[in-house]
Amino acid sequence: MVRLPVWELGLIILVPMGAAYLLRGVLEKRFVDQLPAINQSVAQFRMELGLFFLAGMVMAFILLFFYHFPLLQSGMKLVLGIFTIGLFAGFDMALARERLVIKSALSGEASYEPPIELSPMTRKFSFVATVILLLITAVIILVIIRDMQWLGEQDLTLISLSDLSRSVLIEIVSIMGFLLLMVINLVFPTLGICVSCLITRPGSLKMSVRVI
């Protein structure tokens, strides 16, 4: 993928993501809004993650069939990156859906049946943190491996090595900064839901532990 112009790679990413965005509204009305409120956040997460994964697979097959890039070495790296972004997007949209459900319960506009089984939020947070850490680690390792391969193909001198090393460092820091921003974007909505859980009525509290 390094050989592709930036605009062309951007187009390969933009087209499947645009198609996924167009499908999102239709799928949300059919597979999320029709469910009981207590199950909507989980369905929202699965739908968002599935759309990102399918978009990533379409990108990988475009690279395979039109540009003859190997599926495992190039395509699946792109799928992993898109899947990681989809994971953050899925959690974010699931939390947004959960906030809507909790607000409806607090305002008395809706009545919900409590869940049959309650799952501790700490267990879910631990699982989410572990998955995010593993995906971020995998993305960073793949970036470092790719950059090392790219450096090995260059004609290195003392001057060029310094410039190339700086470019690699900037790329890694940029990716880590982007991932950090997505983590922070998840933290604040989660804290907001935790506060809602503390001030809500007992019947609504049982509902709120369904947070992803």
Foldseek 3Di string as FASTA:
>chain_A
DVPDDPVVLVVLLVVLVVVLVVVVVVCCVVFQVPDALLCRLVSQLVSLLVSLLVSLQSSLVCCCPVVVDDSVLPSVLSSLVSSLVSNLVSLLVSLVSLVVVLVCQQVVVDAHDFDPDFDALVVVVVVSVVVNVVSVVVNLVSLVVVLVVVVVPDDDDPVVVVVSVVVSVVVSVVSVVVSVVSVVSNVVSVVVLVVSLVPGDPSSVSSSSSRD
